[in-house]
Structures are given as structure tokens and as C-alpha cells.
Amino acid sequence: ERNKKDHDSVTCLHPAVWVHSAKLRVDGITKYLDHSSFAFDHAFDENTSTEEIYSHAAMPLIDFVCAGGGGRATVFAYGQTGSGKTYTMGGIQTMVAEDLFLLLGDASKGNNPGGG
């Protein structure tokens, strides 16, 4: 984008995401950018680590699922093809498995603060 002197089409500044759309005025000649913003619980940009995404999006769900109330949780990744969803979700799945086994190991020893 920078080499082509183009602009980013999306800007993420937690907790909002702005989508920038290049448009033409009615005259068909004059260009302008239209900006739409969207608010989320948390927004992540391309520089966010998998560990940071896990700590904000998935880790809080571990205690909920293991609290003994029959809780279920889903982590859903949405984004452009080739943006790293599969890579990131693979890392998140590994961290979820590690934390679940640690929590279940503590529970089997009677040290589970979640009561599960």
C-alpha cells in the first residue's frame, strides 16, 4: 500500500475500528474518503501478538467454562483471507489447551479457585 502511495483501508485503535472507503463525488472526478467507525469490546491491529489476543479474548473464558455451571465458549476469528487467522487461532488453541490442563490438574488436587 505504501509503495503504491495508497492508504490503509482499515485502522484499528482499541476499542474502535475505522473503515476508510475511497469514493468519487457526483462529478465523477473528485476523490474523497468516507470513514465509518465501529466499536467493539476490544480491537486488535496487525501488530498485536497472539499472546495479547489470547489474554483479552480467550483466557477469560477458561474460568467461565471450568466454573462448574456448564458454561460453553466460542472464540471466533473474522478477517480478510491471508490475514493470519489460522496462525493466530492455532496459537490460541495451544494456550487454551495448556491452561485447561493446568486448571484441571489443580482441580484434581483440590486447588481450583473456580470450583470446577
Protein backbone atom coordinates (compact mmCIF):
# COMPACT_ATOMS: atom_id res chain seq x y z
CA GLU A 1 0.00 0.00 0.00
CA ARG A 2 2.75 2.46 0.87
CA ASN A 3 4.78 1.69 -2.26
CA LYS A 4 1.68 2.36 -4.36
CA LYS A 5 1.04 5.55 -2.34
CA ASP A 6 -2.27 4.04 -1.33
CA HIS A 7 -3.94 4.28 2.07
CA ASP A 8 -4.85 1.67 4.67
CA SER A 9 -8.46 0.65 4.26
CA VAL A 10 -8.85 -0.21 7.96
CA THR A 11 -7.47 1.46 11.09
CA CYS A 12 -7.66 -0.30 14.47
CA LEU A 13 -7.35 1.80 17.61
CA HIS A 14 -8.77 -0.11 20.55
CA PRO A 15 -11.72 -0.26 21.08
CA ALA A 16 -12.74 1.11 17.67
CA VAL A 17 -12.15 0.15 14.05
CA TRP A 18 -12.44 2.65 11.20
CA VAL A 19 -13.07 1.55 7.62
CA HIS A 20 -11.86 4.04 5.02
CA SER A 21 -13.57 3.84 1.63
CA ALA A 22 -12.25 5.71 -1.40
CA LYS A 23 -15.15 7.28 -3.30
CA LEU A 24 -15.87 9.71 -6.12
CA ARG A 25 -18.10 12.75 -5.80
CA VAL A 26 -21.15 13.09 -8.06
CA ASP A 27 -19.00 14.89 -10.65
CA GLY A 28 -17.18 11.58 -11.24
CA ILE A 29 -13.78 13.28 -10.91
CA THR A 30 -13.26 14.46 -7.34
CA LYS A 31 -12.00 11.75 -4.99
CA TYR A 32 -12.68 11.64 -1.25
CA LEU A 33 -12.50 9.20 1.66
CA ASP A 34 -15.56 8.11 3.56
CA HIS A 35 -14.89 6.90 7.12
CA SER A 36 -17.12 4.51 9.06
CA SER A 37 -16.34 3.60 12.67
CA PHE A 38 -17.34 0.53 14.63
CA ALA A 39 -16.99 -0.01 18.39
CA PHE A 40 -16.02 -3.39 19.86
CA ASP A 41 -15.18 -4.79 23.28
CA HIS A 42 -11.60 -4.98 22.02
CA ALA A 43 -9.97 -4.29 18.67
CA PHE A 44 -6.62 -5.75 17.59
CA ASP A 45 -4.33 -4.43 14.87
CA GLU A 46 -1.77 -6.26 12.74
CA ASN A 47 0.98 -5.72 15.35
CA THR A 48 -0.86 -7.45 18.20
CA SER A 49 0.74 -10.68 19.42
CA THR A 50 -1.15 -13.96 19.69
CA GLU A 51 -0.46 -13.90 23.44
CA GLU A 52 -2.11 -10.49 23.80
CA ILE A 53 -5.15 -11.60 21.80
CA TYR A 54 -5.38 -14.72 23.96
CA SER A 55 -5.18 -12.76 27.21
CA HIS A 56 -8.03 -10.43 26.18
CA ALA A 57 -10.29 -12.72 24.13
CA ALA A 58 -9.87 -16.34 25.23
CA MET A 59 -8.26 -16.57 28.66
CA PRO A 60 -11.27 -15.05 30.49
CA LEU A 61 -13.40 -17.83 29.03
CA ILE A 62 -11.33 -20.60 30.67
CA ASP A 63 -12.58 -19.87 34.20
CA PHE A 64 -16.13 -19.46 32.88
CA VAL A 65 -16.07 -22.88 31.19
CA CYS A 66 -14.46 -24.58 34.19
CA ALA A 67 -16.58 -22.90 36.88
CA GLY A 68 -18.90 -25.91 37.12
CA GLY A 69 -22.00 -24.23 35.77
CA GLY A 70 -21.97 -25.98 32.41
CA GLY A 71 -20.56 -22.95 30.62
CA ARG A 72 -19.55 -23.12 26.99
CA ALA A 73 -17.50 -20.65 25.00
CA THR A 74 -16.51 -19.95 21.41
CA VAL A 75 -13.64 -17.89 20.05
CA PHE A 76 -14.39 -16.72 16.52
CA ALA A 77 -11.83 -15.16 14.17
CA TYR A 78 -13.02 -12.98 11.31
CA GLY A 79 -10.88 -11.22 8.77
CA GLN A 80 -9.51 -10.96 5.28
CA THR A 81 -8.09 -14.03 3.57
CA GLY A 82 -4.38 -14.30 4.33
CA SER A 83 -4.55 -12.03 7.38
CA GLY A 84 -3.28 -14.67 9.84
CA LYS A 85 -6.47 -16.05 11.39
CA THR A 86 -5.40 -19.70 11.12
CA TYR A 87 -1.94 -18.92 12.54
CA THR A 88 -3.38 -16.91 15.42
CA MET A 89 -6.12 -19.42 16.24
CA GLY A 90 -3.54 -22.25 16.25
CA GLY A 91 -1.61 -20.37 18.92
CA ILE A 92 -4.77 -19.62 20.88
CA GLN A 93 -5.82 -23.30 20.76
CA THR A 94 -2.42 -24.31 22.16
CA MET A 95 -2.68 -21.77 25.01
CA VAL A 96 -6.27 -22.84 25.79
CA ALA A 97 -5.22 -26.48 25.99
CA GLU A 98 -2.27 -25.64 28.26
CA ASP A 99 -4.41 -23.53 30.59
CA LEU A 100 -7.23 -26.09 30.68
CA PHE A 101 -4.86 -28.89 31.65
CA LEU A 102 -3.24 -26.68 34.31
CA LEU A 103 -6.64 -25.77 35.74
CA LEU A 104 -7.90 -29.35 35.61
CA GLY A 105 -4.68 -30.53 37.26
CA ASP A 106 -5.23 -28.02 40.07
CA ALA A 107 -8.86 -29.15 40.38
CA SER A 108 -7.82 -32.78 40.77
CA LYS A 109 -5.57 -31.66 43.65
CA GLY A 110 -8.40 -29.66 45.24
CA ASN A 111 -6.82 -26.27 44.42
CA ASN A 112 -9.34 -24.97 41.87
CA PRO A 113 -10.49 -21.47 42.79
CA GLY A 114 -13.27 -21.72 40.16
CA GLY A 115 -14.92 -24.58 42.00
CA GLY A 116 -14.98 -26.83 38.89
